[in-house]
Structure formats: structure tokens, C-alpha cells
């Protein structure tokens, strides 16, 4: 019964039933089950950090504003954080399924993380589709009030924070995929 309800809501959103969805996420919130219940949609979108972070392999710097135009799931993590490491393959699966012009998973290693250690970890788990960007001084994390890891925020295409999940979650669950699918296909 729950699956039928989820599919009905998903289809309504996918068909563009709600152009004003930017302000009302109640239909998307109804798709949250299990770990996704921790995903809190904000009543009003919040501004994000304008601080820069380091791109992988010394390719320069970027800001979250550089990702405007699509939904972005920003995952603040660290190599020393076991729950963060547990989530990474799930985030990779989410990127494989939904990544493209409308959605992207942005992983941002916060604090002291050795770039070689990040690469080694990604190699060990076979992740090749997620960025190895870093926020070495925690400037972006501080601006975004990231207290503890992992923290995952969802940005709307205008570059505002619309939702936040504290702690780890099963990002490869049916519920997580339904939420991301509804956002991506309903926009």
C-alpha cells in the first residue's frame, strides 16, 4: 500500500503537477521513510556559503554558487568518519542513477583529509563518479553550520539550501531514490 502511495505521489510530481513546488515540499516529504525521515525540508530556502573550496587534484577552487542550475546533494564528510565512509558507495549509486543536467552529488571532505587518503579510499570502494573536493580549513562547513559529520544538504537549482539531514542515511534506499526522483523530475 505504501509503495502504491509513493508511486502515485512520484508520478504526480514527475508529470509536472506542481510548478510552485519550490516553496511547498509536502508531497516530497511524504516520500520519506526510514533514514529519510531525518531529511528536514526547510519552510524557507536558506542561503549557502560563499566561501571557496579546493577542487580535486589541485584543479583550482569553486564555490557552491558554481553548481546553480540543478539540484545538488552536498555531502560533508571526512576520511576518519566511519559513517561517512559507509555512505559513500550509496551516494555513488545515487549519482549513477540521477546524475546529469538536473542533479549532482557533491562530496566535500571537510577538515584535515589527506588527498592521497581520499583517493585510496575511493579506489578501495570503486567510486569513480564522485568528486574528491576538499574544504581543508572547514570554511564552507563553518558557514553552513555543519556540526558533526556526516551532514548532507540539498540545494535547489537557484543555489539555496532546501533540506538537511544530520548523520548517516541509506542514500540508496527506495525512499531516498523516490525523494531525489521527485525533486529532479518535478522541477
C-alpha atoms as a PDB file:
ATOM      1  CA  UNK A   1       0.000   0.000   0.000  1.00  0.00           C
ATOM      2  CA  UNK A   2       2.809   2.363   0.941  1.00  0.00           C
ATOM      3  CA  UNK A   3       4.586   1.683  -2.357  1.00  0.00           C
ATOM      4  CA  UNK A   4       1.418   2.480  -4.306  1.00  0.00           C
ATOM      5  CA  UNK A   5       1.051   5.756  -2.403  1.00  0.00           C
ATOM      6  CA  UNK A   6       4.693   6.620  -3.092  1.00  0.00           C
ATOM      7  CA  UNK A   7       4.407   5.802  -6.761  1.00  0.00           C
ATOM      8  CA  UNK A   8       1.235   7.891  -7.079  1.00  0.00           C
ATOM      9  CA  UNK A   9       2.926  10.886  -5.480  1.00  0.00           C
ATOM     10  CA  UNK A  10       6.046  10.372  -7.568  1.00  0.00           C
ATOM     11  CA  UNK A  11       4.045  10.193 -10.805  1.00  0.00           C
ATOM     12  CA  UNK A  12       2.104  13.347  -9.942  1.00  0.00           C
ATOM     13  CA  UNK A  13       5.351  15.206  -9.399  1.00  0.00           C
ATOM     14  CA  UNK A  14       7.019  13.673 -12.440  1.00  0.00           C
ATOM     15  CA  UNK A  15       4.186  14.891 -14.633  1.00  0.00           C
ATOM     16  CA  UNK A  16       4.834  18.439 -13.514  1.00  0.00           C
ATOM     17  CA  UNK A  17       1.710  18.645 -11.404  1.00  0.00           C
ATOM     18  CA  UNK A  18       3.143  21.325  -9.171  1.00  0.00           C
ATOM     19  CA  UNK A  19       5.044  24.225 -10.720  1.00  0.00           C
ATOM     20  CA  UNK A  20       5.051  26.005  -7.365  1.00  0.00           C
ATOM     21  CA  UNK A  21       6.871  23.113  -5.717  1.00  0.00           C
ATOM     22  CA  UNK A  22       9.852  25.346  -4.946  1.00  0.00           C
ATOM     23  CA  UNK A  23       8.032  26.605  -1.872  1.00  0.00           C
ATOM     24  CA  UNK A  24       5.938  23.535  -0.967  1.00  0.00           C
ATOM     25  CA  UNK A  25       7.720  20.243  -0.467  1.00  0.00           C
ATOM     26  CA  UNK A  26       4.873  18.447   1.327  1.00  0.00           C
ATOM     27  CA  UNK A  27       4.457  15.890  -1.475  1.00  0.00           C
ATOM     28  CA  UNK A  28       8.196  15.170  -1.458  1.00  0.00           C
ATOM     29  CA  UNK A  29       8.232  14.976   2.336  1.00  0.00           C
ATOM     30  CA  UNK A  30       5.518  12.318   2.166  1.00  0.00           C
ATOM     31  CA  UNK A  31       8.001  10.054   0.344  1.00  0.00           C
ATOM     32  CA  UNK A  32      10.383   9.975   3.326  1.00  0.00           C
ATOM     33  CA  UNK A  33      10.651   6.664   5.160  1.00  0.00           C
ATOM     34  CA  UNK A  34      13.305   5.063   7.347  1.00  0.00           C
ATOM     35  CA  UNK A  35      16.514   7.095   7.425  1.00  0.00           C
ATOM     36  CA  UNK A  36      14.960   9.679   5.119  1.00  0.00           C
ATOM     37  CA  UNK A  37      12.675  10.782   7.973  1.00  0.00           C
ATOM     38  CA  UNK A  38      15.788  12.645   9.201  1.00  0.00           C
ATOM     39  CA  UNK A  39      15.780  14.714   5.992  1.00  0.00           C
ATOM     40  CA  UNK A  40      14.203  18.019   7.054  1.00  0.00           C
ATOM     41  CA  UNK A  41      12.852  20.333   4.363  1.00  0.00           C
ATOM     42  CA  UNK A  42      13.037  23.990   5.345  1.00  0.00           C
ATOM     43  CA  UNK A  43       9.943  26.147   5.298  1.00  0.00           C
ATOM     44  CA  UNK A  44      12.017  28.855   3.609  1.00  0.00           C
ATOM     45  CA  UNK A  45      15.105  28.232   1.497  1.00  0.00           C
ATOM     46  CA  UNK A  46      18.347  29.244   3.208  1.00  0.00           C
ATOM     47  CA  UNK A  47      21.399  30.981   1.759  1.00  0.00           C
ATOM     48  CA  UNK A  48      24.564  28.922   1.389  1.00  0.00           C
ATOM     49  CA  UNK A  49      28.225  29.642   1.968  1.00  0.00           C
ATOM     50  CA  UNK A  50      30.090  31.843  -0.471  1.00  0.00           C
ATOM     51  CA  UNK A  51      33.448  30.504   0.767  1.00  0.00           C
ATOM     52  CA  UNK A  52      35.559  28.638  -1.760  1.00  0.00           C
ATOM     53  CA  UNK A  53      36.699  25.029  -1.540  1.00  0.00           C
ATOM     54  CA  UNK A  54      39.502  23.155  -3.277  1.00  0.00           C
ATOM     55  CA  UNK A  55      38.754  21.115  -6.365  1.00  0.00           C
ATOM     56  CA  UNK A  56      40.235  17.626  -6.667  1.00  0.00           C
ATOM     57  CA  UNK A  57      43.765  17.190  -7.972  1.00  0.00           C
ATOM     58  CA  UNK A  58      44.704  20.856  -7.493  1.00  0.00           C
ATOM     59  CA  UNK A  59      42.363  21.969 -10.279  1.00  0.00           C
ATOM     60  CA  UNK A  60      41.644  25.270  -8.528  1.00  0.00           C
ATOM     61  CA  UNK A  61      38.766  26.396  -6.366  1.00  0.00           C
ATOM     62  CA  UNK A  62      34.999  26.639  -6.623  1.00  0.00           C
ATOM     63  CA  UNK A  63      32.018  27.778  -4.590  1.00  0.00           C
ATOM     64  CA  UNK A  64      28.576  26.269  -4.176  1.00  0.00           C
ATOM     65  CA  UNK A  65      27.269  29.019  -6.480  1.00  0.00           C
ATOM     66  CA  UNK A  66      29.163  27.317  -9.321  1.00  0.00           C
ATOM     67  CA  UNK A  67      26.628  24.469  -9.119  1.00  0.00           C
ATOM     68  CA  UNK A  68      23.488  26.552  -9.687  1.00  0.00           C
ATOM     69  CA  UNK A  69      21.077  25.300 -12.307  1.00  0.00           C
ATOM     70  CA  UNK A  70      20.496  21.838 -10.823  1.00  0.00           C
ATOM     71  CA  UNK A  71      19.614  20.138  -7.579  1.00  0.00           C
ATOM     72  CA  UNK A  72      22.821  19.402  -5.663  1.00  0.00           C
ATOM     73  CA  UNK A  73      23.192  16.965  -2.798  1.00  0.00           C
ATOM     74  CA  UNK A  74      26.195  18.238  -0.832  1.00  0.00           C
ATOM     75  CA  UNK A  75      27.704  15.664   1.494  1.00  0.00           C
ATOM     76  CA  UNK A  76      30.125  16.973   4.140  1.00  0.00           C
ATOM     77  CA  UNK A  77      32.356  14.078   5.155  1.00  0.00           C
ATOM     78  CA  UNK A  78      35.840  13.067   6.328  1.00  0.00           C
ATOM     79  CA  UNK A  79      38.090  10.080   5.756  1.00  0.00           C
ATOM     80  CA  UNK A  80      38.299   9.430   9.508  1.00  0.00           C
ATOM     81  CA  UNK A  81      34.477   9.286   9.904  1.00  0.00           C
ATOM     82  CA  UNK A  82      33.161   5.671   9.731  1.00  0.00           C
ATOM     83  CA  UNK A  83      29.511   6.642   8.988  1.00  0.00           C
ATOM     84  CA  UNK A  84      30.752   8.974   6.240  1.00  0.00           C
ATOM     85  CA  UNK A  85      32.733   6.168   4.651  1.00  0.00           C
ATOM     86  CA  UNK A  86      29.723   3.842   4.896  1.00  0.00           C
ATOM     87  CA  UNK A  87      27.554   6.330   2.968  1.00  0.00           C
ATOM     88  CA  UNK A  88      29.965   6.894   0.082  1.00  0.00           C
ATOM     89  CA  UNK A  89      29.002   3.853  -2.048  1.00  0.00           C
ATOM     90  CA  UNK A  90      25.325   4.781  -1.600  1.00  0.00           C
ATOM     91  CA  UNK A  91      25.995   8.347  -2.709  1.00  0.00           C
ATOM     92  CA  UNK A  92      27.856   6.956  -5.713  1.00  0.00           C
ATOM     93  CA  UNK A  93      24.808   4.834  -6.619  1.00  0.00           C
ATOM     94  CA  UNK A  94      22.582   7.927  -6.322  1.00  0.00           C
ATOM     95  CA  UNK A  95      24.907   9.842  -8.651  1.00  0.00           C
ATOM     96  CA  UNK A  96      24.883   6.926 -11.126  1.00  0.00           C
ATOM     97  CA  UNK A  97      21.088   6.851 -11.184  1.00  0.00           C
ATOM     98  CA  UNK A  98      20.250  10.563 -11.176  1.00  0.00           C
ATOM     99  CA  UNK A  99      23.445  12.465 -12.016  1.00  0.00           C
ATOM    100  CA  UNK A 100      23.259  14.746 -15.031  1.00  0.00           C
ATOM    101  CA  UNK A 101      21.923  18.126 -16.056  1.00  0.00           C
ATOM    102  CA  UNK A 102      19.309  18.239 -13.265  1.00  0.00           C
ATOM    103  CA  UNK A 103      21.134  16.630 -10.321  1.00  0.00           C
ATOM    104  CA  UNK A 104      24.607  16.121  -8.898  1.00  0.00           C
ATOM    105  CA  UNK A 105      26.150  14.626  -5.768  1.00  0.00           C
ATOM    106  CA  UNK A 106      28.929  16.888  -4.475  1.00  0.00           C
ATOM    107  CA  UNK A 107      31.162  15.311  -1.833  1.00  0.00           C
ATOM    108  CA  UNK A 108      33.189  17.772   0.202  1.00  0.00           C
ATOM    109  CA  UNK A 109      35.859  16.388   2.547  1.00  0.00           C
ATOM    110  CA  UNK A 110      35.899  18.774   5.480  1.00  0.00           C
ATOM    111  CA  UNK A 111      38.856  19.477   7.746  1.00  0.00           C
ATOM    112  CA  UNK A 112      42.095  17.514   7.702  1.00  0.00           C
ATOM    113  CA  UNK A 113      41.841  14.904   4.950  1.00  0.00           C
ATOM    114  CA  UNK A 114      44.908  13.751   3.088  1.00  0.00           C
ATOM    115  CA  UNK A 115      44.193  13.889  -0.678  1.00  0.00           C
ATOM    116  CA  UNK A 116      46.095  10.599  -1.128  1.00  0.00           C
ATOM    117  CA  UNK A 117      43.937   9.054   1.609  1.00  0.00           C
ATOM    118  CA  UNK A 118      40.759  10.225  -0.130  1.00  0.00           C
ATOM    119  CA  UNK A 119      41.958   8.753  -3.432  1.00  0.00           C
ATOM    120  CA  UNK A 120      42.941   5.479  -1.743  1.00  0.00           C
ATOM    121  CA  UNK A 121      39.519   5.188  -0.083  1.00  0.00           C
ATOM    122  CA  UNK A 122      37.680   5.900  -3.349  1.00  0.00           C
ATOM    123  CA  UNK A 123      39.883   3.331  -5.124  1.00  0.00           C
ATOM    124  CA  UNK A 124      39.187   0.712  -2.428  1.00  0.00           C
ATOM    125  CA  UNK A 125      35.421   1.047  -2.778  1.00  0.00           C
ATOM    126  CA  UNK A 126      35.439   1.537  -6.535  1.00  0.00           C
ATOM    127  CA  UNK A 127      33.964   5.039  -6.558  1.00  0.00           C
ATOM    128  CA  UNK A 128      34.888   6.872  -9.745  1.00  0.00           C
ATOM    129  CA  UNK A 129      31.864   9.116 -10.245  1.00  0.00           C
ATOM    130  CA  UNK A 130      32.097  11.410  -7.196  1.00  0.00           C
ATOM    131  CA  UNK A 131      34.370  14.417  -6.732  1.00  0.00           C
ATOM    132  CA  UNK A 132      37.212  14.415  -4.226  1.00  0.00           C
ATOM    133  CA  UNK A 133      36.847  18.105  -3.378  1.00  0.00           C
ATOM    134  CA  UNK A 134      38.099  19.439  -0.062  1.00  0.00           C
ATOM    135  CA  UNK A 135      37.245  22.123   2.471  1.00  0.00           C
ATOM    136  CA  UNK A 136      40.576  21.827   4.355  1.00  0.00           C
ATOM    137  CA  UNK A 137      40.030  24.700   6.773  1.00  0.00           C
ATOM    138  CA  UNK A 138      36.326  23.973   7.210  1.00  0.00           C
ATOM    139  CA  UNK A 139      35.316  27.423   5.925  1.00  0.00           C
ATOM    140  CA  UNK A 140      32.343  26.167   3.896  1.00  0.00           C
ATOM    141  CA  UNK A 141      31.322  23.791   6.681  1.00  0.00           C
ATOM    142  CA  UNK A 142      31.512  26.584   9.269  1.00  0.00           C
ATOM    143  CA  UNK A 143      29.377  28.902   7.122  1.00  0.00           C
ATOM    144  CA  UNK A 144      26.856  26.110   6.609  1.00  0.00           C
ATOM    145  CA  UNK A 145      26.749  25.357  10.374  1.00  0.00           C
ATOM    146  CA  UNK A 146      27.952  21.800   9.912  1.00  0.00           C
ATOM    147  CA  UNK A 147      28.197  20.449  13.437  1.00  0.00           C
ATOM    148  CA  UNK A 148      29.370  16.850  13.313  1.00  0.00           C
ATOM    149  CA  UNK A 149      29.720  14.562  10.326  1.00  0.00           C
ATOM    150  CA  UNK A 150      28.219  13.436   8.077  1.00  0.00           C
ATOM    151  CA  UNK A 151      25.873  16.251   7.188  1.00  0.00           C
ATOM    152  CA  UNK A 152      24.045  16.278   3.862  1.00  0.00           C
ATOM    153  CA  UNK A 153      22.258  19.305   2.435  1.00  0.00           C
ATOM    154  CA  UNK A 154      20.177  19.593  -0.697  1.00  0.00           C
ATOM    155  CA  UNK A 155      20.444  22.758  -2.768  1.00  0.00           C
ATOM    156  CA  UNK A 156      17.760  23.847  -5.211  1.00  0.00           C
ATOM    157  CA  UNK A 157      18.633  24.985  -8.747  1.00  0.00           C
ATOM    158  CA  UNK A 158      18.790  28.600  -7.514  1.00  0.00           C
ATOM    159  CA  UNK A 159      21.580  27.592  -5.133  1.00  0.00           C
ATOM    160  CA  UNK A 160      19.666  27.746  -1.838  1.00  0.00           C
ATOM    161  CA  UNK A 161      19.594  25.094   0.865  1.00  0.00           C
ATOM    162  CA  UNK A 162      16.151  23.491   0.912  1.00  0.00           C
ATOM    163  CA  UNK A 163      16.777  20.423   3.092  1.00  0.00           C
ATOM    164  CA  UNK A 164      19.281  18.960   5.551  1.00  0.00           C
ATOM    165  CA  UNK A 165      19.982  15.538   7.009  1.00  0.00           C
ATOM    166  CA  UNK A 166      22.180  15.158  10.082  1.00  0.00           C
ATOM    167  CA  UNK A 167      24.002  11.864  10.479  1.00  0.00           C
ATOM    168  CA  UNK A 168      24.240   8.905   8.182  1.00  0.00           C
ATOM    169  CA  UNK A 169      21.473   7.623   5.931  1.00  0.00           C
ATOM    170  CA  UNK A 170      20.820   4.930   3.381  1.00  0.00           C
ATOM    171  CA  UNK A 171      21.047   7.085   0.260  1.00  0.00           C
ATOM    172  CA  UNK A 172      20.436   4.025  -1.918  1.00  0.00           C
ATOM    173  CA  UNK A 173      17.090   3.216  -0.291  1.00  0.00           C
ATOM    174  CA  UNK A 174      13.811   3.229  -2.189  1.00  0.00           C
ATOM    175  CA  UNK A 175      12.745   6.269  -0.167  1.00  0.00           C
ATOM    176  CA  UNK A 176      15.920   8.261  -0.923  1.00  0.00           C
ATOM    177  CA  UNK A 177      15.585   7.498  -4.631  1.00  0.00           C
ATOM    178  CA  UNK A 178      11.902   8.492  -4.557  1.00  0.00           C
ATOM    179  CA  UNK A 179      12.730  11.832  -2.885  1.00  0.00           C
ATOM    180  CA  UNK A 180      15.529  12.676  -5.322  1.00  0.00           C
ATOM    181  CA  UNK A 181      13.454  11.470  -8.273  1.00  0.00           C
ATOM    182  CA  UNK A 182      10.537  13.652  -7.233  1.00  0.00           C
ATOM    183  CA  UNK A 183      12.756  16.707  -6.913  1.00  0.00           C
ATOM    184  CA  UNK A 184      14.550  16.146 -10.209  1.00  0.00           C
ATOM    185  CA  UNK A 185      11.507  15.158 -12.241  1.00  0.00           C
ATOM    186  CA  UNK A 186       9.106  17.588 -10.597  1.00  0.00           C
ATOM    187  CA  UNK A 187      11.153  20.677 -11.295  1.00  0.00           C
END
